[in-house]
Amino acid sequence: MTQLNVAVSAMINAPAQVVYIILSDYRHHHPHILPKDYFTGLEVEEGGQGEGTVFKSGMKIMGQAQPFRMRVTEPEPGRVLAETDLSNGLVTTFTVNPNGPERAEVTFATVWQPASGFRGWVERLTAPMFLKRVYRRELQILDAYARQTRNKLNEEKRSI
């Protein structure tokens, strides 16, 4: 069966290093960029900073909360972060590319194997549009959050 792929990109008005700090910090920053209309929170179980982090969260889909548990890897530290669903293998990557000193192009991309049968048919019809809407909103929040906290994050970056 064919995998489904969804990707959304946006320009973020903050340096790439600052954006990556936000995305990779699951205790202090990443929870702030999750749209509350779609996500049910984020609870770190292990780690909390990049590679090796394990967390629980949930997504509101068609009025119901769907829980998930993810493990974080860094295929390209400082540029690519990946979250893998421990129950079904779904993978979401966050790719951060510099676009000058004060901007970054950020792409959220998810790849997964849809269910079979009628459920899979519905998933193939609805999930890509739904995820694109979620990712567009999350990128908007990321842009605003990165601009609001830029000075603080630049200080953190210097101390790393």
C-alpha atoms as a PDB file:
ATOM      1  CA  MET A   1       0.000   0.000   0.000  1.00  0.00           C
ATOM      2  CA  THR A   2       1.165   3.524  -0.777  1.00  0.00           C
ATOM      3  CA  GLN A   3       2.433   5.735   2.016  1.00  0.00           C
ATOM      4  CA  LEU A   4       0.865   9.126   2.620  1.00  0.00           C
ATOM      5  CA  ASN A   5       3.064  12.229   2.691  1.00  0.00           C
ATOM      6  CA  VAL A   6       2.149  15.705   3.904  1.00  0.00           C
ATOM      7  CA  ALA A   7       4.528  18.659   3.975  1.00  0.00           C
ATOM      8  CA  VAL A   8       4.090  22.352   4.711  1.00  0.00           C
ATOM      9  CA  SER A   9       6.816  25.009   4.667  1.00  0.00           C
ATOM     10  CA  ALA A  10       6.963  28.592   5.879  1.00  0.00           C
ATOM     11  CA  MET A  11       9.458  31.378   6.368  1.00  0.00           C
ATOM     12  CA  ILE A  12      10.084  32.055  10.070  1.00  0.00           C
ATOM     13  CA  ASN A  13      11.379  35.467  11.106  1.00  0.00           C
ATOM     14  CA  ALA A  14      14.133  34.269  13.403  1.00  0.00           C
ATOM     15  CA  PRO A  15      17.622  32.792  12.941  1.00  0.00           C
ATOM     16  CA  ALA A  16      17.685  29.084  12.080  1.00  0.00           C
ATOM     17  CA  GLN A  17      19.551  28.229  15.309  1.00  0.00           C
ATOM     18  CA  VAL A  18      16.868  29.914  17.417  1.00  0.00           C
ATOM     19  CA  VAL A  19      14.096  28.069  15.559  1.00  0.00           C
ATOM     20  CA  TYR A  20      15.867  24.751  16.063  1.00  0.00           C
ATOM     21  CA  ILE A  21      16.219  25.424  19.808  1.00  0.00           C
ATOM     22  CA  ILE A  22      12.463  25.986  20.026  1.00  0.00           C
ATOM     23  CA  LEU A  23      11.620  22.819  18.101  1.00  0.00           C
ATOM     24  CA  SER A  24      14.088  20.583  19.962  1.00  0.00           C
ATOM     25  CA  ASP A  25      13.268  21.735  23.511  1.00  0.00           C
ATOM     26  CA  TYR A  26      10.253  19.606  24.439  1.00  0.00           C
ATOM     27  CA  ARG A  27      10.142  20.787  28.060  1.00  0.00           C
ATOM     28  CA  HIS A  28      10.249  24.562  27.699  1.00  0.00           C
ATOM     29  CA  HIS A  29       9.593  25.714  24.141  1.00  0.00           C
ATOM     30  CA  HIS A  30       8.006  23.113  21.843  1.00  0.00           C
ATOM     31  CA  PRO A  31       4.742  22.911  23.868  1.00  0.00           C
ATOM     32  CA  HIS A  32       4.191  26.647  23.223  1.00  0.00           C
ATOM     33  CA  ILE A  33       3.939  26.188  19.457  1.00  0.00           C
ATOM     34  CA  LEU A  34       1.282  23.442  19.511  1.00  0.00           C
ATOM     35  CA  PRO A  35      -2.112  24.784  18.413  1.00  0.00           C
ATOM     36  CA  LYS A  36      -4.505  24.183  21.315  1.00  0.00           C
ATOM     37  CA  ASP A  37      -7.377  23.650  18.863  1.00  0.00           C
ATOM     38  CA  TYR A  38      -5.647  20.481  17.650  1.00  0.00           C
ATOM     39  CA  PHE A  39      -3.288  19.201  20.360  1.00  0.00           C
ATOM     40  CA  THR A  40      -4.133  17.960  23.852  1.00  0.00           C
ATOM     41  CA  GLY A  41      -0.814  18.882  25.453  1.00  0.00           C
ATOM     42  CA  LEU A  42       2.644  17.378  25.630  1.00  0.00           C
ATOM     43  CA  GLU A  43       4.144  15.352  28.475  1.00  0.00           C
ATOM     44  CA  VAL A  44       7.849  14.485  28.404  1.00  0.00           C
ATOM     45  CA  GLU A  45       8.604  10.966  29.672  1.00  0.00           C
ATOM     46  CA  GLU A  46      12.354  10.811  28.931  1.00  0.00           C
ATOM     47  CA  GLY A  47      14.942  13.426  28.038  1.00  0.00           C
ATOM     48  CA  GLY A  48      13.383  16.642  26.886  1.00  0.00           C
ATOM     49  CA  GLN A  49      16.067  18.085  24.639  1.00  0.00           C
ATOM     50  CA  GLY A  50      16.343  16.654  21.125  1.00  0.00           C
ATOM     51  CA  GLU A  51      17.674  13.126  20.508  1.00  0.00           C
ATOM     52  CA  GLY A  52      16.339  10.503  22.898  1.00  0.00           C
ATOM     53  CA  THR A  53      13.318  12.468  24.064  1.00  0.00           C
ATOM     54  CA  VAL A  54      10.159  10.388  24.492  1.00  0.00           C
ATOM     55  CA  PHE A  55       6.867  12.201  24.951  1.00  0.00           C
ATOM     56  CA  LYS A  56       3.123  11.644  25.025  1.00  0.00           C
ATOM     57  CA  SER A  57       0.614  13.919  23.400  1.00  0.00           C
ATOM     58  CA  GLY A  58      -2.674  13.727  21.612  1.00  0.00           C
ATOM     59  CA  MET A  59      -4.410  15.220  18.649  1.00  0.00           C
ATOM     60  CA  LYS A  60      -8.077  16.135  18.351  1.00  0.00           C
ATOM     61  CA  ILE A  61      -9.311  14.413  15.202  1.00  0.00           C
ATOM     62  CA  MET A  62     -12.962  14.578  14.232  1.00  0.00           C
ATOM     63  CA  GLY A  63     -13.907  15.553  17.781  1.00  0.00           C
ATOM     64  CA  GLN A  64     -11.991  12.755  19.479  1.00  0.00           C
ATOM     65  CA  ALA A  65      -8.587  12.835  21.159  1.00  0.00           C
ATOM     66  CA  GLN A  66      -6.155  10.396  19.579  1.00  0.00           C
ATOM     67  CA  PRO A  67      -3.213   9.731  21.927  1.00  0.00           C
ATOM     68  CA  PHE A  68       0.284   9.079  20.654  1.00  0.00           C
ATOM     69  CA  ARG A  69       3.734   8.410  22.066  1.00  0.00           C
ATOM     70  CA  MET A  70       6.784   9.630  20.159  1.00  0.00           C
ATOM     71  CA  ARG A  71      10.556   9.158  20.215  1.00  0.00           C
ATOM     72  CA  VAL A  72      12.745  12.002  18.941  1.00  0.00           C
ATOM     73  CA  THR A  73      15.881  11.586  16.843  1.00  0.00           C
ATOM     74  CA  GLU A  74      18.137  14.133  15.168  1.00  0.00           C
ATOM     75  CA  PRO A  75      19.101  12.782  11.729  1.00  0.00           C
ATOM     76  CA  GLU A  76      20.963  16.066  11.106  1.00  0.00           C
ATOM     77  CA  PRO A  77      21.549  17.789  14.463  1.00  0.00           C
ATOM     78  CA  GLY A  78      20.845  21.497  14.264  1.00  0.00           C
ATOM     79  CA  ARG A  79      18.884  21.102  11.028  1.00  0.00           C
ATOM     80  CA  VAL A  80      16.558  18.052  11.051  1.00  0.00           C
ATOM     81  CA  LEU A  81      14.540  16.734  13.981  1.00  0.00           C
ATOM     82  CA  ALA A  82      12.314  13.635  13.639  1.00  0.00           C
ATOM     83  CA  GLU A  83       9.491  12.298  15.790  1.00  0.00           C
ATOM     84  CA  THR A  84       8.509   8.639  15.341  1.00  0.00           C
ATOM     85  CA  ASP A  85       5.209   7.295  16.669  1.00  0.00           C
ATOM     86  CA  LEU A  86       6.095   4.249  18.754  1.00  0.00           C
ATOM     87  CA  SER A  87       2.838   2.443  17.945  1.00  0.00           C
ATOM     88  CA  ASN A  88       2.493   2.820  14.183  1.00  0.00           C
ATOM     89  CA  GLY A  89       5.784   4.116  12.724  1.00  0.00           C
ATOM     90  CA  LEU A  90       4.409   7.474  11.549  1.00  0.00           C
ATOM     91  CA  VAL A  91       7.331   9.914  11.204  1.00  0.00           C
ATOM     92  CA  THR A  92       7.157  13.688  11.372  1.00  0.00           C
ATOM     93  CA  THR A  93      10.282  15.662  10.500  1.00  0.00           C
ATOM     94  CA  PHE A  94      11.058  19.298  11.184  1.00  0.00           C
ATOM     95  CA  THR A  95      13.649  20.706   8.787  1.00  0.00           C
ATOM     96  CA  VAL A  96      15.195  24.114   9.445  1.00  0.00           C
ATOM     97  CA  ASN A  97      17.185  25.830   6.696  1.00  0.00           C
ATOM     98  CA  PRO A  98      18.772  29.265   7.139  1.00  0.00           C
ATOM     99  CA  ASN A  99      17.517  31.979   4.802  1.00  0.00           C
ATOM    100  CA  GLY A 100      19.914  34.769   5.686  1.00  0.00           C
ATOM    101  CA  PRO A 101      21.018  35.599   9.209  1.00  0.00           C
ATOM    102  CA  GLU A 102      17.567  36.458  10.602  1.00  0.00           C
ATOM    103  CA  ARG A 103      15.192  34.062   8.832  1.00  0.00           C
ATOM    104  CA  ALA A 104      14.706  30.341   8.410  1.00  0.00           C
ATOM    105  CA  GLU A 105      12.661  28.214   6.069  1.00  0.00           C
ATOM    106  CA  VAL A 106      10.968  25.528   8.152  1.00  0.00           C
ATOM    107  CA  THR A 107       9.247  22.418   6.778  1.00  0.00           C
ATOM    108  CA  PHE A 108       7.012  20.084   8.755  1.00  0.00           C
ATOM    109  CA  ALA A 109       6.574  16.766   6.929  1.00  0.00           C
ATOM    110  CA  THR A 110       4.791  13.576   7.935  1.00  0.00           C
ATOM    111  CA  VAL A 111       4.956  10.147   6.301  1.00  0.00           C
ATOM    112  CA  TRP A 112       2.791   7.212   7.326  1.00  0.00           C
ATOM    113  CA  GLN A 113       1.110   4.027   6.174  1.00  0.00           C
ATOM    114  CA  PRO A 114      -2.670   4.532   6.155  1.00  0.00           C
ATOM    115  CA  ALA A 115      -5.030   1.954   7.584  1.00  0.00           C
ATOM    116  CA  SER A 116      -6.549  -0.599   5.240  1.00  0.00           C
ATOM    117  CA  GLY A 117     -10.166  -0.873   4.131  1.00  0.00           C
ATOM    118  CA  PHE A 118     -12.804   1.779   4.566  1.00  0.00           C
ATOM    119  CA  ARG A 119     -10.935   3.474   7.421  1.00  0.00           C
ATOM    120  CA  GLY A 120      -7.881   3.841   5.197  1.00  0.00           C
ATOM    121  CA  TRP A 121      -9.978   5.246   2.371  1.00  0.00           C
ATOM    122  CA  VAL A 122     -11.379   7.919   4.709  1.00  0.00           C
ATOM    123  CA  GLU A 123      -7.884   8.600   6.090  1.00  0.00           C
ATOM    124  CA  ARG A 124      -6.438   9.102   2.607  1.00  0.00           C
ATOM    125  CA  LEU A 125      -9.229  11.565   1.792  1.00  0.00           C
ATOM    126  CA  THR A 126      -9.193  13.617   4.992  1.00  0.00           C
ATOM    127  CA  ALA A 127      -5.852  13.342   6.799  1.00  0.00           C
ATOM    128  CA  PRO A 128      -3.658  15.254   4.309  1.00  0.00           C
ATOM    129  CA  MET A 129      -5.936  18.323   4.308  1.00  0.00           C
ATOM    130  CA  PHE A 130      -6.320  18.172   8.093  1.00  0.00           C
ATOM    131  CA  LEU A 131      -2.570  17.918   8.731  1.00  0.00           C
ATOM    132  CA  LYS A 132      -1.817  20.755   6.317  1.00  0.00           C
ATOM    133  CA  ARG A 133      -4.231  22.976   8.254  1.00  0.00           C
ATOM    134  CA  VAL A 134      -2.618  21.960  11.561  1.00  0.00           C
ATOM    135  CA  TYR A 135       0.923  22.533  10.260  1.00  0.00           C
ATOM    136  CA  ARG A 136       0.091  25.937   8.754  1.00  0.00           C
ATOM    137  CA  ARG A 137      -1.294  27.038  12.127  1.00  0.00           C
ATOM    138  CA  GLU A 138       1.664  25.575  14.024  1.00  0.00           C
ATOM    139  CA  LEU A 139       4.110  27.398  11.753  1.00  0.00           C
ATOM    140  CA  GLN A 140       2.244  30.680  12.343  1.00  0.00           C
ATOM    141  CA  ILE A 141       2.509  30.138  16.092  1.00  0.00           C
ATOM    142  CA  LEU A 142       6.200  29.203  15.739  1.00  0.00           C
ATOM    143  CA  ASP A 143       6.869  32.448  13.861  1.00  0.00           C
ATOM    144  CA  ALA A 144       5.152  34.572  16.526  1.00  0.00           C
ATOM    145  CA  TYR A 145       6.777  32.650  19.401  1.00  0.00           C
ATOM    146  CA  ALA A 146      10.246  32.887  17.837  1.00  0.00           C
ATOM    147  CA  ARG A 147       9.899  36.651  17.371  1.00  0.00           C
ATOM    148  CA  GLN A 148       8.625  37.144  20.941  1.00  0.00           C
ATOM    149  CA  THR A 149      11.380  35.111  22.548  1.00  0.00           C
ATOM    150  CA  ARG A 150      14.261  35.858  20.174  1.00  0.00           C
ATOM    151  CA  ASN A 151      16.382  37.796  22.677  1.00  0.00           C
ATOM    152  CA  LYS A 152      15.969  35.179  25.395  1.00  0.00           C
ATOM    153  CA  LEU A 153      16.755  32.332  22.996  1.00  0.00           C
ATOM    154  CA  ASN A 154      19.805  34.134  21.620  1.00  0.00           C
ATOM    155  CA  GLU A 155      21.136  34.312  25.185  1.00  0.00           C
ATOM    156  CA  GLU A 156      20.466  30.574  25.668  1.00  0.00           C
ATOM    157  CA  LYS A 157      22.167  29.807  22.351  1.00  0.00           C
ATOM    158  CA  ARG A 158      25.308  31.685  23.446  1.00  0.00           C
ATOM    159  CA  SER A 159      25.476  29.657  26.646  1.00  0.00           C
ATOM    160  CA  ILE A 160      25.213  26.279  24.858  1.00  0.00           C
END
